[in-house]
Protein backbone atom coordinates (compact mmCIF):
# COMPACT_ATOMS: atom_id res chain seq x y z
CA UNK A 1 36.44 98.54 109.63
CA UNK A 2 39.95 97.48 109.66
CA UNK A 3 42.82 99.79 107.87
CA UNK A 4 43.38 96.91 105.00
CA UNK A 5 39.58 96.42 104.91
CA UNK A 6 39.46 99.87 104.07
CA UNK A 7 42.28 99.42 101.42
CA UNK A 8 41.06 96.63 99.49
CA UNK A 9 37.34 97.72 99.55
CA UNK A 10 35.99 98.39 96.30
CA UNK A 11 34.32 102.09 97.47
CA UNK A 12 31.52 101.51 94.62
CA UNK A 13 29.14 104.06 95.00
CA UNK A 14 31.32 105.95 97.68
CA UNK A 15 32.66 108.49 95.36
CA UNK A 16 35.86 106.86 94.26
CA UNK A 17 35.21 107.13 90.80
CA UNK A 18 34.75 110.93 91.60
CA UNK A 19 37.85 110.93 93.34
CA UNK A 20 40.09 109.10 90.54
CA UNK A 21 38.85 112.04 88.25
CA UNK A 22 39.28 114.93 90.56
CA UNK A 23 42.79 113.91 91.82
CA UNK A 24 43.65 113.07 88.31
CA UNK A 25 43.08 116.77 87.38
CA UNK A 26 45.07 118.32 90.73
CA UNK A 27 47.81 115.89 89.71
CA UNK A 28 47.74 117.44 85.90
CA UNK A 29 47.92 120.90 87.15
CA UNK A 30 50.50 120.11 89.59
CA UNK A 31 52.59 118.39 86.91
CA UNK A 32 52.18 121.23 84.56
CA UNK A 33 53.81 123.91 87.37
CA UNK A 34 56.47 121.49 88.38
CA UNK A 35 57.53 121.61 84.63
CA UNK A 36 56.68 124.90 83.54
CA UNK A 37 59.99 126.02 83.42
CA UNK A 38 61.15 123.84 80.31
CA UNK A 39 59.20 126.22 78.29
CA UNK A 40 59.46 129.45 80.63
CA UNK A 41 62.99 128.84 80.67
CA UNK A 42 63.64 130.43 76.96
CA UNK A 43 61.96 133.44 77.51
CA UNK A 44 63.67 133.83 81.07
CA UNK A 45 67.35 133.00 79.54
CA UNK A 46 66.41 136.04 76.98
CA UNK A 47 65.29 138.43 79.84
CA UNK A 48 68.00 137.82 82.02
CA UNK A 49 70.79 136.57 80.12
CA UNK A 50 71.68 133.30 81.34
CA UNK A 51 73.70 130.55 80.36
CA UNK A 52 72.61 127.05 79.60
CA UNK A 53 73.92 125.70 83.02
CA UNK A 54 72.10 128.25 85.13
CA UNK A 55 69.10 127.59 82.75
CA UNK A 56 69.58 123.77 84.21
CA UNK A 57 69.45 124.35 87.51
CA UNK A 58 66.35 126.88 87.33
CA UNK A 59 64.29 123.24 86.00
CA UNK A 60 65.91 121.23 88.38
CA UNK A 61 65.75 122.59 91.69
CA UNK A 62 62.10 122.64 90.99
CA UNK A 63 62.18 119.31 90.17
CA UNK A 64 64.18 118.57 93.32
CA UNK A 65 61.50 120.22 95.58
CA UNK A 66 59.24 117.98 93.77
CA UNK A 67 60.93 115.11 94.68
CA UNK A 68 62.07 115.65 98.33
CA UNK A 69 59.00 114.89 100.34
CA UNK A 70 57.03 112.16 97.88
CA UNK A 71 58.32 109.67 100.70
CA UNK A 72 56.41 112.17 103.16
CA UNK A 73 53.83 113.04 101.41
CA UNK A 74 52.84 109.51 100.85
CA UNK A 75 53.30 108.56 104.51
CA UNK A 76 51.32 111.47 105.57
CA UNK A 77 48.24 110.44 102.75
CA UNK A 78 48.21 107.03 104.66
CA UNK A 79 47.77 108.50 108.13
CA UNK A 80 45.59 111.27 107.95
CA UNK A 81 43.87 110.68 104.35
CA UNK A 82 45.03 111.70 100.71
CA UNK A 83 42.33 114.54 100.31
CA UNK A 84 43.34 116.74 103.27
CA UNK A 85 47.30 116.37 102.02
CA UNK A 86 46.38 116.83 98.17
CA UNK A 87 44.38 119.70 98.95
CA UNK A 88 47.02 121.71 101.62
CA UNK A 89 49.45 120.77 98.49
CA UNK A 90 47.40 122.70 95.61
CA UNK A 91 47.13 125.56 97.91
CA UNK A 92 50.52 126.00 99.27
CA UNK A 93 51.91 125.49 95.45
CA UNK A 94 49.57 128.34 94.41
CA UNK A 95 51.80 130.72 96.47
CA UNK A 96 55.37 130.69 95.03
CA UNK A 97 53.58 129.86 91.82
CA UNK A 98 52.50 133.22 91.89
CA UNK A 99 55.77 134.87 93.31
CA UNK A 100 57.23 133.34 90.33
CA UNK A 101 55.28 136.14 88.32
CA UNK A 102 57.06 138.79 90.38
CA UNK A 103 60.88 137.66 90.54
CA UNK A 104 62.95 139.96 88.98
CA UNK A 105 66.20 138.60 89.68
CA UNK A 106 67.55 135.25 88.66
CA UNK A 107 68.69 134.76 92.45
CA UNK A 108 64.62 135.40 93.66
CA UNK A 109 63.53 133.00 91.08
CA UNK A 110 65.34 130.23 91.70
CA UNK A 111 64.08 130.18 95.46
CA UNK A 112 60.47 130.66 93.86
CA UNK A 113 61.14 128.08 91.19
CA UNK A 114 62.35 125.63 94.11
CA UNK A 115 59.23 126.45 96.21
CA UNK A 116 56.83 126.04 93.25
CA UNK A 117 58.42 122.67 92.90
CA UNK A 118 56.49 121.63 95.75
CA UNK A 119 53.52 120.53 93.86
CA UNK A 120 55.13 117.48 92.54
CA UNK A 121 54.90 115.64 95.31
CA UNK A 122 51.23 115.36 94.57
CA UNK A 123 52.12 111.95 92.71
CA UNK A 124 53.03 110.12 96.33
CA UNK A 125 50.18 111.27 98.24
CA UNK A 126 47.80 110.67 94.52
CA UNK A 127 48.94 107.19 94.64
CA UNK A 128 48.42 106.42 98.27
CA UNK A 129 44.59 108.07 97.93
CA UNK A 130 43.60 106.53 94.89
CA UNK A 131 45.19 103.32 96.04
CA UNK A 132 42.96 103.38 98.86
CA UNK A 133 39.87 103.51 97.24
CA UNK A 134 40.92 100.93 94.53
CA UNK A 135 40.23 97.03 94.58
CA UNK A 136 43.90 95.30 93.61
CA UNK A 137 42.53 93.74 90.71
CA UNK A 138 42.15 97.20 89.24
CA UNK A 139 44.95 99.17 90.90
CA UNK A 140 47.63 99.32 88.24
CA UNK A 141 44.76 100.63 85.47
CA UNK A 142 43.27 103.61 88.16
CA UNK A 143 46.99 104.52 89.07
CA UNK A 144 47.80 104.44 85.60
CA UNK A 145 45.03 107.15 84.87
CA UNK A 146 45.98 109.29 87.79
CA UNK A 147 49.61 108.91 86.79
CA UNK A 148 48.25 110.13 83.00
CA UNK A 149 48.35 113.44 84.82
CA UNK A 150 51.75 113.21 83.89
CA UNK A 151 50.62 115.02 80.53
CA UNK A 152 50.32 118.09 82.72
CA UNK A 153 53.97 118.70 81.40
CA UNK A 154 52.41 119.70 78.17
CA UNK A 155 50.49 122.31 79.26
CA UNK A 156 52.63 124.54 79.37
CA UNK A 157 54.36 123.45 75.59
CA UNK A 158 50.82 124.02 74.27
CA UNK A 159 49.38 127.04 75.99
CA UNK A 160 52.82 128.76 77.05
CA UNK A 161 54.39 130.25 73.75
CA UNK A 162 50.72 132.02 72.81
CA UNK A 163 50.23 132.92 76.11
CA UNK A 164 53.83 134.48 76.12
CA UNK A 165 52.90 136.19 72.83
CA UNK A 166 49.38 137.15 73.53
CA UNK A 167 49.66 138.73 76.68
CA UNK A 168 51.40 142.48 76.68
CA UNK A 169 54.61 142.12 78.33
CA UNK A 170 53.51 145.59 80.40
CA UNK A 171 49.88 143.08 81.35
CA UNK A 172 46.52 144.05 82.50
CA UNK A 173 45.16 145.94 85.27
CA UNK A 174 48.16 148.58 85.56
CA UNK A 175 49.82 145.29 86.24
CA UNK A 176 48.12 143.73 88.37
CA UNK A 177 47.91 140.92 86.15
CA UNK A 178 51.78 140.43 84.53
CA UNK A 179 52.12 140.34 80.87
CA UNK A 180 54.81 138.01 78.75
CA UNK A 181 55.90 134.54 80.50
CA UNK A 182 54.63 135.90 83.92
CA UNK A 183 51.38 135.64 83.00
CA UNK A 184 52.04 131.98 82.44
CA UNK A 185 52.68 131.22 86.60
CA UNK A 186 50.38 133.86 87.26
CA UNK A 187 47.38 132.10 85.82
CA UNK A 188 48.58 128.49 87.39
CA UNK A 189 48.41 130.33 90.80
CA UNK A 190 44.81 131.27 90.17
CA UNK A 191 43.80 127.67 88.83
CA UNK A 192 45.50 126.00 91.72
CA UNK A 193 43.05 127.95 94.33
CA UNK A 194 40.13 127.15 92.26
CA UNK A 195 41.01 122.91 91.95
CA UNK A 196 41.85 123.07 95.87
CA UNK A 197 37.81 124.43 96.32
CA UNK A 198 36.74 121.94 93.82
CA UNK A 199 38.75 119.28 95.49
CA UNK A 200 37.74 119.58 99.28
CA UNK A 201 34.16 120.03 97.61
CA UNK A 202 33.52 116.90 95.01
CA UNK A 203 35.68 114.19 97.24
CA UNK A 204 34.36 112.20 99.86
CA UNK A 205 34.23 114.06 103.67
CA UNK A 206 35.13 110.51 105.00
CA UNK A 207 38.71 109.37 103.55
CA UNK A 208 40.22 106.37 104.08
CA UNK A 209 43.24 105.96 105.97
CA UNK A 210 45.18 102.87 105.57
CA UNK A 211 48.24 104.17 108.25
CA UNK A 212 46.20 105.26 110.67
CA UNK A 213 47.29 104.28 113.64
CA UNK A 214 49.70 102.44 112.62
CA UNK A 215 53.58 103.39 114.07
CA UNK A 216 56.01 105.10 112.06
CA UNK A 217 58.43 101.82 111.95
CA UNK A 218 56.04 99.45 110.67
CA UNK A 219 55.18 101.93 108.27
CA UNK A 220 59.20 102.06 106.90
CA UNK A 221 59.95 98.94 107.86
CA UNK A 222 59.45 97.41 103.93
CA UNK A 223 61.82 100.79 102.51
CA UNK A 224 64.62 98.05 104.19
CA UNK A 225 64.50 95.59 101.01
CA UNK A 226 66.31 95.37 98.30
CA UNK A 227 63.49 95.03 96.07
CA UNK A 228 62.46 98.77 96.68
CA UNK A 229 65.77 100.59 95.88
CA UNK A 230 65.45 98.37 92.66
CA UNK A 231 62.32 99.31 91.71
CA UNK A 232 63.32 102.75 92.34
CA UNK A 233 65.84 102.60 89.86
CA UNK A 234 63.42 101.38 87.36
CA UNK A 235 61.62 104.62 87.98
CA UNK A 236 64.64 107.14 87.40
CA UNK A 237 64.51 105.36 84.13
CA UNK A 238 61.26 105.60 83.23
CA UNK A 239 60.34 108.47 85.03
CA UNK A 240 63.29 110.92 86.09
CA UNK A 241 64.10 110.78 82.88
CA UNK A 242 61.13 111.64 81.19
CA UNK A 243 60.89 114.43 83.82
CA UNK A 244 64.57 115.85 82.57
CA UNK A 245 63.39 115.22 79.05
CA UNK A 246 60.37 117.23 79.20
CA UNK A 247 62.56 120.28 80.53
CA UNK A 248 65.47 119.83 78.28
CA UNK A 249 64.13 118.84 74.98
CA UNK A 250 62.78 122.27 73.88
CA UNK A 251 66.08 123.61 74.60
CA UNK A 252 67.42 120.82 72.53
CA UNK A 253 65.39 121.44 69.39
CA UNK A 254 66.19 125.18 69.59
CA UNK A 255 69.51 124.72 70.25
CA UNK A 256 70.76 121.37 68.17
CA UNK A 257 67.92 122.23 64.81
CA UNK A 258 67.48 126.03 64.96
CA UNK A 259 63.66 125.72 65.47
CA UNK A 260 61.42 128.27 67.17
CA UNK A 261 60.20 128.05 70.58
CA UNK A 262 56.18 126.93 69.67
CA UNK A 263 57.73 124.52 67.15
CA UNK A 264 60.42 123.13 69.86
CA UNK A 265 56.85 123.16 72.41
CA UNK A 266 54.99 121.11 69.80
CA UNK A 267 57.12 118.77 69.24
CA UNK A 268 58.31 118.01 72.66
CA UNK A 269 54.42 117.79 73.50
CA UNK A 270 54.70 114.45 70.96
CA UNK A 271 57.00 112.81 73.26
CA UNK A 272 55.04 114.13 76.57
CA UNK A 273 51.91 112.50 75.24
CA UNK A 274 52.38 109.03 74.74
CA UNK A 275 54.56 109.10 78.04
CA UNK A 276 51.91 110.01 79.70
CA UNK A 277 48.26 108.96 78.17
CA UNK A 278 49.65 105.99 77.89
CA UNK A 279 49.86 105.29 81.26
CA UNK A 280 46.72 103.53 81.59
CA UNK A 281 47.29 101.05 78.94
CA UNK A 282 50.79 100.06 80.48
CA UNK A 283 48.35 99.71 84.31
CA UNK A 284 46.23 97.70 81.81
CA UNK A 285 49.04 95.90 80.25
CA UNK A 286 50.73 95.09 83.82
CA UNK A 287 47.01 93.85 85.22
CA UNK A 288 46.70 91.54 82.10
CA UNK A 289 50.45 90.20 81.31
CA UNK A 290 52.18 90.70 84.38
CA UNK A 291 54.50 93.99 85.52
CA UNK A 292 57.65 92.31 84.84
CA UNK A 293 56.99 91.38 81.32
CA UNK A 294 56.34 94.77 80.40
CA UNK A 295 59.59 96.16 81.95
CA UNK A 296 61.04 93.57 79.49
CA UNK A 297 59.28 95.49 76.72
CA UNK A 298 60.22 99.17 78.44
CA UNK A 299 64.09 98.88 78.51
CA UNK A 300 64.42 96.91 75.49
CA UNK A 301 62.42 99.65 73.82
CA UNK A 302 64.01 102.55 75.71
CA UNK A 303 67.83 101.20 75.69
CA UNK A 304 67.23 100.60 71.49
CA UNK A 305 65.76 103.86 70.73
CA UNK A 306 67.99 106.05 73.30
CA UNK A 307 71.70 104.02 71.83
CA UNK A 308 70.20 105.34 68.03
CA UNK A 309 69.56 108.72 69.31
CA UNK A 310 72.75 108.97 71.18
CA UNK A 311 75.27 108.37 67.95
CA UNK A 312 77.28 111.63 67.00
CA UNK A 313 76.83 113.21 63.78
CA UNK A 314 79.54 113.31 61.54
CA UNK A 315 81.34 111.17 58.77
CA UNK A 316 84.69 109.23 58.07
CA UNK A 317 87.65 110.99 56.70
CA UNK A 318 89.87 108.65 54.34
CA UNK A 319 93.56 109.77 53.51
CA UNK A 320 94.26 109.10 49.72
CA UNK A 321 96.61 110.31 47.20
CA UNK A 322 96.80 113.97 46.00
CA UNK A 323 95.68 113.09 42.23
CA UNK A 324 92.53 111.83 43.79
CA UNK A 325 91.87 114.59 46.29
CA UNK A 326 94.09 118.11 46.15
CA UNK A 327 93.80 118.24 49.68
CA UNK A 328 94.32 114.22 50.35
CA UNK A 329 91.71 113.68 52.63
CA UNK A 330 87.80 112.30 50.97
CA UNK A 331 84.77 112.54 53.48
CA UNK A 332 82.53 109.79 53.21
CA UNK A 333 79.87 108.15 55.03
CA UNK A 334 78.25 111.49 56.02
CA UNK A 335 75.45 110.88 58.99
CA UNK A 336 73.39 113.89 60.36
CA UNK A 337 70.00 112.46 61.77
CA UNK A 338 66.75 115.15 61.00
CA UNK A 339 63.87 116.71 63.00
CA UNK A 340 62.00 113.60 61.59
CA UNK A 341 63.36 110.70 62.55
CA UNK A 342 64.61 112.60 65.59
CA UNK A 343 61.11 113.41 66.51
CA UNK A 344 60.23 109.70 65.61
CA UNK A 345 62.65 107.88 67.95
CA UNK A 346 61.73 110.25 71.18
CA UNK A 347 58.55 109.37 70.25
CA UNK A 348 58.91 105.76 70.58
CA UNK A 349 60.80 106.67 73.72
CA UNK A 350 57.87 108.43 75.20
CA UNK A 351 55.72 105.33 74.50
CA UNK A 352 58.20 102.99 76.20
CA UNK A 353 58.21 105.21 79.28
CA UNK A 354 54.30 105.74 79.50
CA UNK A 355 53.70 102.01 79.90
CA UNK A 356 56.45 101.54 81.58
CA UNK A 357 55.60 103.99 84.22
CA UNK A 358 52.62 102.27 85.08
CA UNK A 359 54.24 98.86 85.31
CA UNK A 360 56.94 100.01 87.97
CA UNK A 361 53.93 101.01 90.56
CA UNK A 362 51.75 97.73 89.64
CA UNK A 363 54.31 96.46 91.26
CA UNK A 364 53.86 97.75 94.66
CA UNK A 365 50.66 97.14 95.71
CA UNK A 366 51.04 93.89 94.90
CA UNK A 367 54.73 93.50 97.21
CA UNK A 368 53.28 96.12 99.67
CA UNK A 369 49.46 96.33 99.59
CA UNK A 370 49.56 97.79 103.15
CA UNK A 371 52.46 100.44 102.79
CA UNK A 372 51.44 102.01 99.19
CA UNK A 373 51.87 105.54 100.84
CA UNK A 374 55.60 104.92 102.18
CA UNK A 375 57.13 102.65 99.35
CA UNK A 376 55.35 104.51 96.86
CA UNK A 377 56.55 107.81 98.34
CA UNK A 378 60.19 106.67 98.30
CA UNK A 379 59.89 104.96 94.62
CA UNK A 380 58.75 108.22 93.61
CA UNK A 381 60.84 110.44 95.62
CA UNK A 382 63.99 108.62 93.90
CA UNK A 383 62.61 108.35 90.61
CA UNK A 384 61.69 112.65 90.69
CA UNK A 385 65.40 112.89 91.93
CA UNK A 386 66.04 111.20 88.67
CA UNK A 387 64.73 114.42 86.84
CA UNK A 388 66.56 116.98 89.28
CA UNK A 389 70.08 115.25 88.95
CA UNK A 390 69.87 114.57 85.01
CA UNK A 391 69.28 118.35 83.71
CA UNK A 392 72.44 119.22 85.04
CA UNK A 393 74.32 116.41 84.51
CA UNK A 394 72.94 117.08 80.33
CA UNK A 395 74.27 120.22 80.31
CA UNK A 396 77.69 119.45 81.81
CA UNK A 397 78.58 116.26 79.23
CA UNK A 398 77.20 118.30 77.04
CA UNK A 399 79.95 121.20 77.51
CA UNK A 400 82.46 118.32 78.27
CA UNK A 401 82.12 116.83 75.42
CA UNK A 402 80.78 119.64 72.78
CA UNK A 403 78.27 116.52 71.71
CA UNK A 404 74.50 117.19 72.48
CA UNK A 405 74.05 113.60 71.57
CA UNK A 406 75.35 112.70 75.39
CA UNK A 407 72.27 113.59 76.30
CA UNK A 408 70.63 110.18 75.42
CA UNK A 409 74.03 108.55 75.96
CA UNK A 410 73.28 108.64 79.38
CA UNK A 411 69.81 107.85 79.28
CA UNK A 412 71.00 104.90 77.19
CA UNK A 413 73.46 103.66 79.97
CA UNK A 414 70.85 104.26 82.85
CA UNK A 415 68.58 102.20 81.17
CA UNK A 416 71.05 99.39 80.63
CA UNK A 417 71.89 99.07 84.24
CA UNK A 418 68.44 98.62 85.35
CA UNK A 419 67.54 96.24 82.87
CA UNK A 420 70.61 93.97 83.58
CA UNK A 421 69.73 94.34 87.35
CA UNK A 422 66.06 93.19 86.52
CA UNK A 423 67.42 90.37 84.31
CA UNK A 424 69.97 88.82 86.96
CA UNK A 425 67.40 89.51 89.95
CA UNK A 426 64.66 87.44 87.61
CA UNK A 427 67.53 84.71 86.66
CA UNK A 428 68.10 84.39 90.67
CA UNK A 429 64.88 83.91 91.36
CA UNK A 430 63.89 81.59 89.26
CA UNK A 431 67.17 79.62 89.99
CA UNK A 432 66.48 79.56 93.80
CA UNK A 433 62.76 78.33 93.15
CA UNK A 434 63.58 75.85 90.71
CA UNK A 435 67.00 74.45 91.42
CA UNK A 436 66.55 70.98 90.11
CA UNK A 437 65.32 72.76 86.52
CA UNK A 438 68.47 74.66 86.24
CA UNK A 439 71.01 71.85 86.81
CA UNK A 440 69.18 69.30 84.20
CA UNK A 441 68.40 72.46 81.81
CA UNK A 442 71.89 71.27 80.70
CA UNK A 443 72.80 67.80 81.81
CA UNK A 444 76.08 67.26 83.37
CA UNK A 445 77.94 64.17 81.96
CA UNK A 446 78.53 60.96 84.42
């Protein structure tokens, strides 16, 4: 059987369904590890006396390492098979995750956070692996199910504050099992090893390798196409910004609204759930109506909601005669966004992101059916690198302006740029394919 035939074969009865379940569970766990510093960063900041910029880099270095190897991971999965690469990722990630629980300084923590972030590369490996076992007419939904593992970002939001409060700082067994915030990465390290064993034993041993035997130059050739980089920008908007907000929102709720950590974590989960669990819905919509239409809706919704969230709080100052106001100043039209409308708007952004993430990856097997690993790896890598760059950008923008709302102004500008590029491209494609129609829509007088 050829590589192409293997890629398009349904695999019914061959373990494809079990593979989807186990790979999705493994990706959920690694995603939880990848973004665990969004919640752990708050008690870490208190223990080590970190600044906001230092805290932002703690999350960002993990995101960086979870992005940098996605292209390589996708190519390796195509050539060697997703099973062996996925299991290796689980086992390797367990080591630095355990070391995070033992870190005694900011410098050590920064190094271990960077290495633990390696698990984020599981996405491109899983996309290649799942695509190889799924027929094209169902790939949008299957990749959406796998991608719903993004909900792992909410795992620490739910269990982190409870475990931090429940496990004594001294830990158990004389400190062998650490306590406080350190218990969370210790627990994750154990679960990663258990998950690696489950994936190895529960997925088909005879794997599919659509890139087996193909020259690397041939596998990387599609990356020269401009549309691949356009898809990457889309993914920066719907995934990179999602990753950044997942890590940034707990701090935003704590600092801007004065909420306790457990409430901030739960409200952040309200953003994460639709941004993750609606991914299968986005895949189904893309299968049914086309990915481009779904992307139009995604960008329009995100732009409107993020512009609303970017509005600075304040009021208009009017200078009036002193007989009306003792100091000659009257403040009118006060505006301040409360927790409830803020959370609703962020929830809407999460819905759009969840649907849009699946739509972006629906494009890839349609345009590049034999190069999902390389193209998906690059798109995933650049999208995740957006998640690395945005938290420090949020921090610096807030430091420069004093306005926390600049976080959403940045997201609005990014969304508008991606939507404009897509619309210009669509318009050019329609013009190229129907030049006569383009000339005759508005008839030119003789």
